[in-house]
């Protein structure tokens, strides 16, 4: 059985049978048909109308099957062309993403939101808020600069104070005792403080 002449529609009552035999199967009841051998006719339908509807249903299902086969063949052909062109699914995804972003940018909600944002940035309230924030930033900078100068001045005053001078003298004396008069470290047998009489 060659696959070209075979009905590949999995929903078809003729699946797996060659297409040449599928037309002869139209006489058999199909799934979804209104009438079968044991069921009575629907109210308001004559025997001829039911037969015509059954024939039409079989025809439509056959057309659906044909369209599915054509679609499947077209999809395979498109996949082959993409493969030959070197188009990968990732490239397609990037192109789709770019196109979607362009669609978003041209959409009415996006354009409307952009216009609203533009209106807000040009409004008086926005300008006043921006000016207020700018002035607050300048005042904060000035306050921090003043505070920095005050701290520097206070440290300078503290360094010139008698307490700091006394502390500085004590540190200098300690250095003199540990290092010696020339700034060299004293030899071990000199009069450096021992473990027992450390000044700390």
N, C-alpha and C. Protein backbone atom coordinates (compact mmCIF):
# COMPACT_ATOMS: atom_id res chain seq x y z
N UNK A 1 0.85 -1.17 0.00
CA UNK A 1 0.00 0.00 0.00
C UNK A 1 0.90 1.23 0.00
N UNK A 2 0.81 2.11 -0.98
CA UNK A 2 1.71 3.27 -1.00
C UNK A 2 1.12 4.37 -0.14
N UNK A 3 2.00 5.15 0.62
CA UNK A 3 1.51 6.13 1.57
C UNK A 3 0.81 7.32 0.94
N UNK A 4 1.05 7.61 -0.34
CA UNK A 4 0.42 8.76 -0.98
C UNK A 4 -1.07 8.52 -1.14
N UNK A 5 -1.46 7.30 -1.47
CA UNK A 5 -2.86 6.99 -1.69
C UNK A 5 -3.59 6.61 -0.41
N UNK A 6 -2.93 6.76 0.74
CA UNK A 6 -3.50 6.33 2.00
C UNK A 6 -4.12 7.51 2.74
N UNK A 7 -5.24 7.31 3.38
CA UNK A 7 -5.90 8.36 4.16
C UNK A 7 -5.20 8.43 5.52
N UNK A 8 -4.55 9.58 5.82
CA UNK A 8 -3.78 9.70 7.07
C UNK A 8 -4.55 10.44 8.15
N UNK A 9 -5.78 10.80 7.93
CA UNK A 9 -6.59 11.49 8.93
C UNK A 9 -6.93 10.51 10.04
N UNK A 10 -6.42 10.80 11.25
CA UNK A 10 -6.64 9.88 12.36
C UNK A 10 -8.08 9.91 12.85
N UNK A 11 -8.82 10.95 12.53
CA UNK A 11 -10.21 11.05 12.95
C UNK A 11 -11.18 10.47 11.90
N UNK A 12 -10.65 10.12 10.77
CA UNK A 12 -11.49 9.65 9.68
C UNK A 12 -11.89 8.20 9.92
N UNK A 13 -13.11 7.83 9.53
CA UNK A 13 -13.49 6.41 9.63
C UNK A 13 -12.76 5.57 8.59
N UNK A 14 -12.10 6.23 7.62
CA UNK A 14 -11.39 5.52 6.55
C UNK A 14 -9.90 5.44 6.80
N UNK A 15 -9.42 5.72 8.05
CA UNK A 15 -7.98 5.82 8.28
C UNK A 15 -7.28 4.52 7.92
N UNK A 16 -6.15 4.69 7.29
CA UNK A 16 -5.33 3.56 6.93
C UNK A 16 -5.74 2.89 5.63
N UNK A 17 -6.88 3.24 5.09
CA UNK A 17 -7.32 2.63 3.84
C UNK A 17 -6.89 3.49 2.67
N UNK A 18 -6.60 2.91 1.55
CA UNK A 18 -6.25 3.71 0.38
C UNK A 18 -7.40 4.64 0.01
N UNK A 19 -7.05 5.81 -0.56
CA UNK A 19 -8.04 6.82 -0.92
C UNK A 19 -9.04 6.29 -1.94
N UNK A 20 -8.60 5.40 -2.84
CA UNK A 20 -9.49 4.89 -3.87
C UNK A 20 -10.65 4.10 -3.27
N UNK A 21 -10.46 3.50 -2.08
CA UNK A 21 -11.53 2.74 -1.45
C UNK A 21 -12.38 3.61 -0.54
N UNK A 22 -11.88 4.80 -0.17
CA UNK A 22 -12.59 5.61 0.81
C UNK A 22 -13.92 6.13 0.28
N UNK A 23 -14.04 6.36 -1.03
CA UNK A 23 -15.30 6.86 -1.56
C UNK A 23 -16.40 5.79 -1.48
N UNK A 24 -16.01 4.52 -1.56
CA UNK A 24 -17.01 3.47 -1.46
C UNK A 24 -17.49 3.30 -0.02
N UNK A 25 -16.77 3.86 0.94
CA UNK A 25 -17.15 3.75 2.34
C UNK A 25 -18.16 4.80 2.74
N UNK A 26 -18.49 5.72 1.85
CA UNK A 26 -19.45 6.78 2.16
C UNK A 26 -20.83 6.22 2.44
N UNK A 27 -21.09 4.99 1.98
CA UNK A 27 -22.39 4.39 2.21
C UNK A 27 -22.56 3.89 3.64
N UNK A 28 -21.42 3.68 4.32
CA UNK A 28 -21.49 3.19 5.69
C UNK A 28 -21.72 4.35 6.64
N UNK A 29 -22.40 4.10 7.76
CA UNK A 29 -22.60 5.18 8.73
C UNK A 29 -21.26 5.58 9.33
N UNK A 30 -21.07 6.88 9.53
CA UNK A 30 -19.82 7.39 10.10
C UNK A 30 -20.08 7.95 11.48
N UNK A 31 -19.01 8.08 12.24
CA UNK A 31 -19.12 8.63 13.58
C UNK A 31 -19.66 10.05 13.49
N UNK A 32 -20.63 10.39 14.29
CA UNK A 32 -21.19 11.73 14.26
C UNK A 32 -22.39 11.83 13.33
N UNK A 33 -22.70 10.81 12.57
CA UNK A 33 -23.85 10.87 11.67
C UNK A 33 -25.13 10.79 12.50
N UNK A 34 -26.19 11.40 12.00
CA UNK A 34 -27.45 11.48 12.74
C UNK A 34 -28.16 10.12 12.82
N UNK A 35 -28.01 9.32 11.79
CA UNK A 35 -28.85 8.13 11.73
C UNK A 35 -27.97 6.90 11.60
N UNK A 36 -28.29 5.89 12.35
CA UNK A 36 -27.68 4.58 12.15
C UNK A 36 -28.81 3.57 12.01
N UNK A 37 -28.47 2.32 11.84
CA UNK A 37 -29.49 1.33 11.54
C UNK A 37 -30.54 1.22 12.65
N UNK A 38 -30.15 1.33 13.93
CA UNK A 38 -31.10 1.13 15.00
C UNK A 38 -31.76 2.42 15.48
N UNK A 39 -31.26 3.59 15.08
CA UNK A 39 -31.79 4.86 15.58
C UNK A 39 -32.89 5.37 14.68
N UNK A 40 -33.94 5.93 15.28
CA UNK A 40 -34.99 6.51 14.45
C UNK A 40 -34.55 7.86 13.89
N UNK A 41 -35.25 8.37 12.93
CA UNK A 41 -34.95 9.66 12.32
C UNK A 41 -35.19 10.78 13.31
N UNK A 42 -34.45 11.86 13.14
CA UNK A 42 -34.68 13.05 13.97
C UNK A 42 -36.05 13.60 13.62
N UNK A 43 -36.74 14.22 14.59
CA UNK A 43 -38.07 14.76 14.29
C UNK A 43 -37.98 15.84 13.22
N UNK A 44 -38.85 15.80 12.28
CA UNK A 44 -38.91 16.80 11.22
C UNK A 44 -38.07 16.45 10.01
N UNK A 45 -37.36 15.29 10.00
CA UNK A 45 -36.54 14.89 8.85
C UNK A 45 -37.19 13.70 8.15
N UNK A 46 -37.21 13.79 6.84
CA UNK A 46 -37.68 12.65 6.07
C UNK A 46 -36.49 11.75 5.78
N UNK A 47 -36.79 10.56 5.27
CA UNK A 47 -35.74 9.60 4.94
C UNK A 47 -34.79 10.17 3.89
N UNK A 48 -35.33 10.88 2.90
CA UNK A 48 -34.50 11.45 1.83
C UNK A 48 -33.61 12.57 2.36
N UNK A 49 -34.17 13.42 3.25
CA UNK A 49 -33.38 14.53 3.84
C UNK A 49 -32.23 13.97 4.69
N UNK A 50 -32.53 12.93 5.45
CA UNK A 50 -31.50 12.31 6.29
C UNK A 50 -30.40 11.72 5.41
N UNK A 51 -30.78 11.09 4.32
CA UNK A 51 -29.79 10.50 3.40
C UNK A 51 -28.95 11.61 2.76
N UNK A 52 -29.59 12.72 2.37
CA UNK A 52 -28.86 13.83 1.76
C UNK A 52 -27.86 14.43 2.77
N UNK A 53 -28.33 14.58 4.02
CA UNK A 53 -27.42 15.11 5.06
C UNK A 53 -26.26 14.16 5.32
N UNK A 54 -26.55 12.87 5.31
CA UNK A 54 -25.50 11.87 5.53
C UNK A 54 -24.47 11.92 4.40
N UNK A 55 -24.95 12.04 3.17
CA UNK A 55 -24.05 12.13 2.03
C UNK A 55 -23.21 13.41 2.10
N UNK A 56 -23.86 14.51 2.49
CA UNK A 56 -23.14 15.78 2.61
C UNK A 56 -22.08 15.70 3.71
N UNK A 57 -22.44 15.05 4.82
CA UNK A 57 -21.48 14.87 5.91
C UNK A 57 -20.27 14.06 5.46
N UNK A 58 -20.52 12.98 4.73
CA UNK A 58 -19.42 12.15 4.23
C UNK A 58 -18.52 12.96 3.30
N UNK A 59 -19.14 13.80 2.45
CA UNK A 59 -18.39 14.63 1.51
C UNK A 59 -17.51 15.65 2.26
N UNK A 60 -18.11 16.29 3.28
CA UNK A 60 -17.37 17.29 4.06
C UNK A 60 -16.21 16.64 4.79
N UNK A 61 -16.45 15.45 5.37
CA UNK A 61 -15.36 14.75 6.07
C UNK A 61 -14.25 14.35 5.11
N UNK A 62 -14.62 13.98 3.89
CA UNK A 62 -13.61 13.64 2.89
C UNK A 62 -12.80 14.88 2.51
N UNK A 63 -13.47 16.03 2.36
CA UNK A 63 -12.77 17.28 2.06
C UNK A 63 -11.83 17.67 3.20
N UNK A 64 -12.30 17.48 4.43
CA UNK A 64 -11.44 17.78 5.60
C UNK A 64 -10.21 16.91 5.57
N UNK A 65 -10.39 15.64 5.27
CA UNK A 65 -9.26 14.72 5.19
C UNK A 65 -8.27 15.15 4.12
N UNK A 66 -8.79 15.54 2.97
CA UNK A 66 -7.93 16.00 1.88
C UNK A 66 -7.16 17.26 2.28
N UNK A 67 -7.88 18.19 2.91
CA UNK A 67 -7.24 19.44 3.34
C UNK A 67 -6.14 19.17 4.38
N UNK A 68 -6.39 18.21 5.28
CA UNK A 68 -5.37 17.85 6.28
C UNK A 68 -4.13 17.28 5.61
N UNK A 69 -4.34 16.44 4.59
CA UNK A 69 -3.20 15.88 3.86
C UNK A 69 -2.41 16.98 3.16
N UNK A 70 -3.15 17.90 2.51
CA UNK A 70 -2.49 19.01 1.81
C UNK A 70 -1.73 19.87 2.80
N UNK A 71 -2.37 20.20 3.94
CA UNK A 71 -1.72 21.01 4.96
C UNK A 71 -0.45 20.34 5.49
N UNK A 72 -0.55 19.05 5.74
CA UNK A 72 0.62 18.30 6.23
C UNK A 72 1.76 18.35 5.21
N UNK A 73 1.43 18.17 3.93
CA UNK A 73 2.45 18.23 2.89
C UNK A 73 3.07 19.62 2.80
N UNK A 74 2.22 20.67 2.92
CA UNK A 74 2.72 22.05 2.87
C UNK A 74 3.63 22.34 4.07
N UNK A 75 3.26 21.85 5.25
CA UNK A 75 4.10 22.06 6.43
C UNK A 75 5.45 21.39 6.28
N UNK A 76 5.46 20.17 5.74
CA UNK A 76 6.74 19.48 5.49
C UNK A 76 7.58 20.26 4.50
N UNK A 77 6.95 20.76 3.44
CA UNK A 77 7.66 21.53 2.42
C UNK A 77 8.23 22.83 3.02
N UNK A 78 7.43 23.50 3.84
CA UNK A 78 7.90 24.73 4.49
C UNK A 78 9.08 24.45 5.42
N UNK A 79 9.01 23.35 6.17
CA UNK A 79 10.11 22.97 7.07
C UNK A 79 11.38 22.69 6.27
N UNK A 80 11.24 22.04 5.14
CA UNK A 80 12.40 21.74 4.28
C UNK A 80 13.01 23.04 3.73
N UNK A 81 12.15 23.97 3.29
CA UNK A 81 12.65 25.26 2.78
C UNK A 81 13.37 26.03 3.88
N UNK A 82 12.82 26.04 5.08
CA UNK A 82 13.47 26.74 6.21
C UNK A 82 14.82 26.11 6.51
N UNK A 83 14.88 24.77 6.46
CA UNK A 83 16.15 24.09 6.72
C UNK A 83 17.19 24.47 5.68
N UNK A 84 16.77 24.53 4.41
CA UNK A 84 17.70 24.90 3.33
C UNK A 84 18.16 26.35 3.46
N UNK A 85 17.27 27.23 3.95
CA UNK A 85 17.63 28.64 4.14
C UNK A 85 18.43 28.88 5.42
N UNK A 86 18.53 27.85 6.25
CA UNK A 86 19.28 28.00 7.50
C UNK A 86 18.50 28.73 8.59
N UNK A 87 17.20 28.76 8.46
CA UNK A 87 16.37 29.41 9.48
C UNK A 87 16.13 28.42 10.62
N UNK A 88 16.63 28.77 11.78
CA UNK A 88 16.43 27.90 12.94
C UNK A 88 15.23 28.37 13.73
N UNK A 89 14.72 27.54 14.60
CA UNK A 89 13.60 27.98 15.45
C UNK A 89 13.97 29.20 16.30
N UNK A 90 15.25 29.29 16.71
CA UNK A 90 15.67 30.45 17.51
C UNK A 90 15.59 31.73 16.68
N UNK A 91 16.04 31.67 15.42
CA UNK A 91 15.94 32.85 14.55
C UNK A 91 14.48 33.25 14.34
N UNK A 92 13.63 32.26 14.15
CA UNK A 92 12.20 32.56 13.98
C UNK A 92 11.64 33.20 15.24
N UNK A 93 12.06 32.69 16.41
CA UNK A 93 11.58 33.25 17.67
C UNK A 93 12.02 34.71 17.79
N UNK A 94 13.28 35.00 17.43
CA UNK A 94 13.76 36.38 17.49
C UNK A 94 12.97 37.29 16.55
N UNK A 95 12.72 36.79 15.33
CA UNK A 95 11.94 37.58 14.38
C UNK A 95 10.52 37.82 14.89
N UNK A 96 9.92 36.79 15.46
CA UNK A 96 8.57 36.93 16.01
C UNK A 96 8.54 37.91 17.16
N UNK A 97 9.59 37.85 18.01
CA UNK A 97 9.67 38.75 19.15
C UNK A 97 9.82 40.19 18.68
N UNK A 98 10.68 40.41 17.68
CA UNK A 98 10.88 41.76 17.14
C UNK A 98 9.58 42.28 16.53
N UNK A 99 8.92 41.43 15.77
CA UNK A 99 7.66 41.84 15.14
C UNK A 99 6.61 42.14 16.22
N UNK A 100 6.56 41.32 17.25
CA UNK A 100 5.59 41.55 18.33
C UNK A 100 5.86 42.87 19.02
N UNK A 101 7.15 43.18 19.27
CA UNK A 101 7.49 44.44 19.93
C UNK A 101 7.10 45.62 19.04
N UNK A 102 7.33 45.49 17.73
CA UNK A 102 6.93 46.55 16.81
C UNK A 102 5.41 46.71 16.81
N UNK A 103 4.70 45.59 16.87
CA UNK A 103 3.23 45.65 16.93
C UNK A 103 2.77 46.35 18.21
N UNK A 104 3.45 46.04 19.32
CA UNK A 104 3.09 46.68 20.59
C UNK A 104 3.32 48.18 20.51
N UNK A 105 4.46 48.58 19.92
CA UNK A 105 4.78 50.01 19.84
C UNK A 105 3.80 50.78 18.96
N UNK A 106 3.20 50.10 18.01
CA UNK A 106 2.24 50.79 17.14
C UNK A 106 0.79 50.58 17.59
N UNK A 107 0.60 49.81 18.66
CA UNK A 107 -0.76 49.55 19.13
C UNK A 107 -1.35 50.79 19.79
N UNK A 108 -2.66 50.88 19.77
CA UNK A 108 -3.36 52.04 20.34
C UNK A 108 -3.07 52.24 21.82
N UNK A 109 -3.10 51.18 22.66
CA UNK A 109 -2.83 51.41 24.09
C UNK A 109 -1.41 51.97 24.34
N UNK A 110 -0.42 51.46 23.59
CA UNK A 110 0.96 51.92 23.79
C UNK A 110 1.10 53.38 23.36
N UNK A 111 0.53 53.70 22.19
CA UNK A 111 0.60 55.07 21.69
C UNK A 111 -0.13 56.01 22.65
N UNK A 112 -1.27 55.57 23.15
CA UNK A 112 -2.04 56.37 24.10
C UNK A 112 -1.26 56.58 25.39
N UNK A 113 -0.64 55.51 25.90
CA UNK A 113 0.14 55.63 27.14
C UNK A 113 1.34 56.54 26.94
N UNK A 114 2.00 56.45 25.78
CA UNK A 114 3.13 57.33 25.49
C UNK A 114 2.70 58.78 25.45
N UNK A 115 1.56 59.03 24.82
CA UNK A 115 1.05 60.40 24.73
C UNK A 115 0.70 60.93 26.12
N UNK A 116 0.09 60.07 26.94
CA UNK A 116 -0.26 60.48 28.31
C UNK A 116 1.00 60.80 29.11
N UNK A 117 2.01 59.96 28.98
CA UNK A 117 3.27 60.20 29.69
C UNK A 117 3.92 61.50 29.21
N UNK A 118 3.85 61.74 27.93
CA UNK A 118 4.40 62.97 27.37
C UNK A 118 3.64 64.18 27.92
N UNK A 119 2.31 64.06 27.99
CA UNK A 119 1.50 65.15 28.56
C UNK A 119 1.87 65.40 30.02
N UNK A 120 2.11 64.33 30.77
CA UNK A 120 2.46 64.47 32.18
C UNK A 120 3.79 65.20 32.33
N UNK A 121 4.77 64.83 31.51
CA UNK A 121 6.10 65.46 31.63
C UNK A 121 6.08 66.94 31.24
N UNK A 122 5.08 67.34 30.47
CA UNK A 122 4.99 68.75 30.08
C UNK A 122 3.97 69.53 30.92
N UNK A 123 3.39 68.87 31.92
CA UNK A 123 2.38 69.55 32.74
C UNK A 123 3.04 70.45 33.78
N UNK A 124 2.26 71.40 34.27
CA UNK A 124 2.76 72.34 35.28
C UNK A 124 3.09 71.63 36.58
N UNK A 125 2.25 70.69 36.98
CA UNK A 125 2.47 69.97 38.24
C UNK A 125 3.80 69.23 38.20
N UNK A 126 4.10 68.58 37.06
CA UNK A 126 5.36 67.84 36.92
C UNK A 126 6.54 68.80 36.99
N UNK A 127 6.43 69.94 36.31
CA UNK A 127 7.52 70.92 36.32
C UNK A 127 7.76 71.46 37.72
N UNK A 128 6.66 71.75 38.47
CA UNK A 128 6.80 72.25 39.83
C UNK A 128 7.44 71.19 40.73
N UNK A 129 7.01 69.95 40.58
CA UNK A 129 7.59 68.86 41.38
C UNK A 129 9.07 68.71 41.07
N UNK A 130 9.42 68.77 39.80
CA UNK A 130 10.82 68.65 39.39
C UNK A 130 11.65 69.80 39.97
N UNK A 131 11.11 71.02 39.94
CA UNK A 131 11.82 72.17 40.51
C UNK A 131 12.00 72.01 42.02
N UNK A 132 10.96 71.55 42.70
CA UNK A 132 11.02 71.36 44.14
C UNK A 132 12.08 70.32 44.49
N UNK A 133 12.09 69.22 43.77
CA UNK A 133 13.09 68.18 44.02
C UNK A 133 14.50 68.69 43.74
N UNK A 134 14.64 69.50 42.70
CA UNK A 134 15.95 70.07 42.37
C UNK A 134 16.43 71.00 43.48
N UNK A 135 15.51 71.84 43.98
CA UNK A 135 15.88 72.75 45.07
C UNK A 135 16.22 71.96 46.34
N UNK A 136 15.46 70.91 46.62
CA UNK A 136 15.74 70.09 47.80
C UNK A 136 17.12 69.44 47.68
N UNK A 137 17.46 68.99 46.47
CA UNK A 137 18.78 68.40 46.25
C UNK A 137 19.89 69.41 46.47
N UNK A 138 19.68 70.63 45.98
CA UNK A 138 20.69 71.68 46.16
C UNK A 138 20.85 72.03 47.63
N UNK A 139 19.73 72.12 48.37
CA UNK A 139 19.79 72.43 49.80
C UNK A 139 20.48 71.32 50.58
N UNK A 140 20.21 70.08 50.20
CA UNK A 140 20.86 68.95 50.86
C UNK A 140 22.36 68.98 50.61
N UNK A 141 22.76 69.26 49.38
CA UNK A 141 24.18 69.35 49.06
C UNK A 141 24.85 70.46 49.86
N UNK A 142 24.19 71.59 49.94
CA UNK A 142 24.74 72.72 50.70
C UNK A 142 24.86 72.35 52.18
N UNK A 143 23.85 71.69 52.73
CA UNK A 143 23.88 71.29 54.14
C UNK A 143 25.01 70.31 54.40
N UNK A 144 25.18 69.35 53.50
CA UNK A 144 26.27 68.37 53.68
C UNK A 144 27.64 69.05 53.59
N UNK A 145 27.78 70.01 52.69
CA UNK A 145 29.04 70.74 52.57
C UNK A 145 29.32 71.53 53.84
N UNK A 146 28.31 72.22 54.36
CA UNK A 146 28.47 72.98 55.60
C UNK A 146 28.84 72.06 56.75
N UNK A 147 28.17 70.92 56.84
CA UNK A 147 28.46 69.98 57.91
C UNK A 147 29.89 69.44 57.79
N UNK A 148 30.33 69.16 56.59
CA UNK A 148 31.70 68.68 56.37
C UNK A 148 32.72 69.73 56.80
N UNK A 149 32.46 70.99 56.44
CA UNK A 149 33.37 72.07 56.84
C UNK A 149 33.39 72.21 58.37
N UNK A 150 32.24 72.11 58.99
CA UNK A 150 32.16 72.23 60.45
C UNK A 150 32.93 71.10 61.13
N UNK A 151 32.80 69.89 60.60
CA UNK A 151 33.53 68.76 61.19
C UNK A 151 35.03 68.96 61.02
N UNK A 152 35.44 69.39 59.85
CA UNK A 152 36.88 69.64 59.61
C UNK A 152 37.40 70.71 60.56
N UNK A 153 36.65 71.77 60.72
CA UNK A 153 37.05 72.86 61.61
C UNK A 153 37.12 72.35 63.06
N UNK A 154 36.15 71.53 63.46
CA UNK A 154 36.11 71.00 64.82
C UNK A 154 37.31 70.10 65.05
N UNK A 155 37.66 69.28 64.07
CA UNK A 155 38.84 68.41 64.21
C UNK A 155 40.11 69.24 64.32
N UNK A 156 40.18 70.33 63.55
CA UNK A 156 41.36 71.22 63.63
C UNK A 156 41.44 71.88 64.99
N UNK A 157 40.30 72.34 65.51
CA UNK A 157 40.28 72.94 66.85
C UNK A 157 40.68 71.92 67.90
N UNK A 158 40.18 70.70 67.73
CA UNK A 158 40.49 69.65 68.70
C UNK A 158 41.98 69.32 68.68
N UNK A 159 42.59 69.36 67.52
CA UNK A 159 44.02 69.04 67.40
C UNK A 159 44.86 70.13 68.09
N UNK A 160 44.38 71.34 68.06
CA UNK A 160 45.10 72.44 68.71
C UNK A 160 44.78 72.55 70.21
N UNK A 161 43.89 71.74 70.72
CA UNK A 161 43.52 71.83 72.13
C UNK A 161 44.62 71.26 73.02
N UNK A 162 44.58 71.65 74.30
CA UNK A 162 45.60 71.21 75.27
C UNK A 162 45.49 69.71 75.50
N UNK A 163 44.30 69.17 75.51
CA UNK A 163 44.12 67.73 75.75
C UNK A 163 44.78 66.92 74.65
N UNK A 164 44.54 67.33 73.40
CA UNK A 164 45.12 66.60 72.27
C UNK A 164 46.65 66.72 72.30
N UNK A 165 47.17 67.92 72.63
CA UNK A 165 48.63 68.12 72.70
C UNK A 165 49.22 67.21 73.76
N UNK A 166 48.54 67.10 74.91
CA UNK A 166 49.01 66.24 75.99
C UNK A 166 49.04 64.79 75.53
N UNK A 167 47.98 64.36 74.82
CA UNK A 167 47.91 62.99 74.30
C UNK A 167 49.04 62.76 73.30
N UNK A 168 49.27 63.74 72.42
CA UNK A 168 50.32 63.64 71.40
C UNK A 168 51.69 63.52 72.06
N UNK A 169 51.92 64.28 73.15
CA UNK A 169 53.20 64.21 73.87
C UNK A 169 53.40 62.83 74.48
N UNK A 170 52.32 62.27 75.04
CA UNK A 170 52.43 60.95 75.66
C UNK A 170 52.76 59.89 74.62
N UNK A 171 52.13 59.97 73.45
CA UNK A 171 52.42 59.01 72.38
C UNK A 171 53.87 59.18 71.91
N UNK A 172 54.32 60.43 71.81
CA UNK A 172 55.71 60.68 71.41
C UNK A 172 56.69 60.11 72.42
N UNK A 173 56.41 60.27 73.72
CA UNK A 173 57.28 59.71 74.75
C UNK A 173 57.32 58.19 74.68
N UNK A 174 56.16 57.58 74.45
CA UNK A 174 56.10 56.13 74.34
C UNK A 174 56.93 55.67 73.16
N UNK A 175 56.86 56.36 72.07
CA UNK A 175 57.63 56.02 70.87
C UNK A 175 59.12 56.16 71.19
N UNK A 176 59.48 57.20 71.91
CA UNK A 176 60.88 57.43 72.26
C UNK A 176 61.39 56.28 73.11
N UNK A 177 60.53 55.81 74.03
CA UNK A 177 60.95 54.72 74.91
C UNK A 177 61.08 53.42 74.15
N UNK A 178 60.19 53.16 73.20
CA UNK A 178 60.21 51.90 72.47
C UNK A 178 61.24 51.91 71.36
N UNK A 179 61.30 52.98 70.57
CA UNK A 179 62.16 53.02 69.39
C UNK A 179 63.54 53.57 69.70
N UNK A 180 63.62 54.52 70.51
CA UNK A 180 64.92 55.12 70.83
C UNK A 180 65.03 56.50 70.22
N UNK A 181 66.12 57.26 70.56
CA UNK A 181 66.26 58.63 70.11
C UNK A 181 66.49 58.79 68.61
N UNK A 182 67.17 57.86 67.96
CA UNK A 182 67.46 57.99 66.53
C UNK A 182 66.36 57.37 65.67
N UNK A 183 65.37 56.79 66.24
CA UNK A 183 64.30 56.16 65.45
C UNK A 183 64.59 54.71 65.16
N UNK A 184 65.73 54.20 65.63
CA UNK A 184 66.06 52.79 65.41
C UNK A 184 65.46 51.96 66.54
N UNK A 185 65.19 50.73 66.24
CA UNK A 185 64.67 49.84 67.27
C UNK A 185 65.84 49.46 68.16
N UNK A 186 65.63 49.50 69.44
CA UNK A 186 66.69 49.20 70.41
C UNK A 186 67.05 47.73 70.37
N UNK A 187 68.32 47.42 70.67
CA UNK A 187 68.72 46.01 70.73
C UNK A 187 68.02 45.32 71.91
N UNK A 188 67.92 44.00 71.89
CA UNK A 188 67.19 43.28 72.91
C UNK A 188 67.73 43.48 74.33
N UNK A 189 69.06 43.71 74.56
CA UNK A 189 69.56 43.85 75.92
C UNK A 189 69.54 45.29 76.39
N UNK A 190 68.98 46.20 75.65
CA UNK A 190 68.90 47.57 76.12
C UNK A 190 67.77 47.70 77.12
N UNK A 191 67.51 48.90 77.54
CA UNK A 191 66.53 49.12 78.61
C UNK A 191 65.11 49.27 78.06
N UNK A 192 64.69 48.37 77.17
CA UNK A 192 63.31 48.39 76.68
C UNK A 192 62.43 47.70 77.69
N UNK A 193 61.17 48.04 77.73
CA UNK A 193 60.29 47.41 78.71
C UNK A 193 60.19 45.91 78.46
N UNK A 194 60.17 45.16 79.50
CA UNK A 194 60.05 43.70 79.38
C UNK A 194 58.59 43.32 79.49
N UNK A 195 58.37 42.05 79.44
CA UNK A 195 57.01 41.55 79.50
C UNK A 195 56.36 41.94 80.83
N UNK A 196 57.14 42.01 81.88
CA UNK A 196 56.57 42.29 83.19
C UNK A 196 56.23 43.75 83.41
N UNK A 197 57.02 44.68 82.81
CA UNK A 197 56.78 46.08 83.08
C UNK A 197 56.37 46.89 81.84
N UNK A 198 55.52 46.33 81.01
CA UNK A 198 55.00 47.05 79.85
C UNK A 198 54.11 48.18 80.32
N UNK A 199 54.17 49.37 79.63
CA UNK A 199 53.35 50.49 80.08
C UNK A 199 51.86 50.33 79.79
N UNK A 200 51.48 49.36 79.09
CA UNK A 200 50.08 49.22 78.71
C UNK A 200 49.32 48.58 79.82
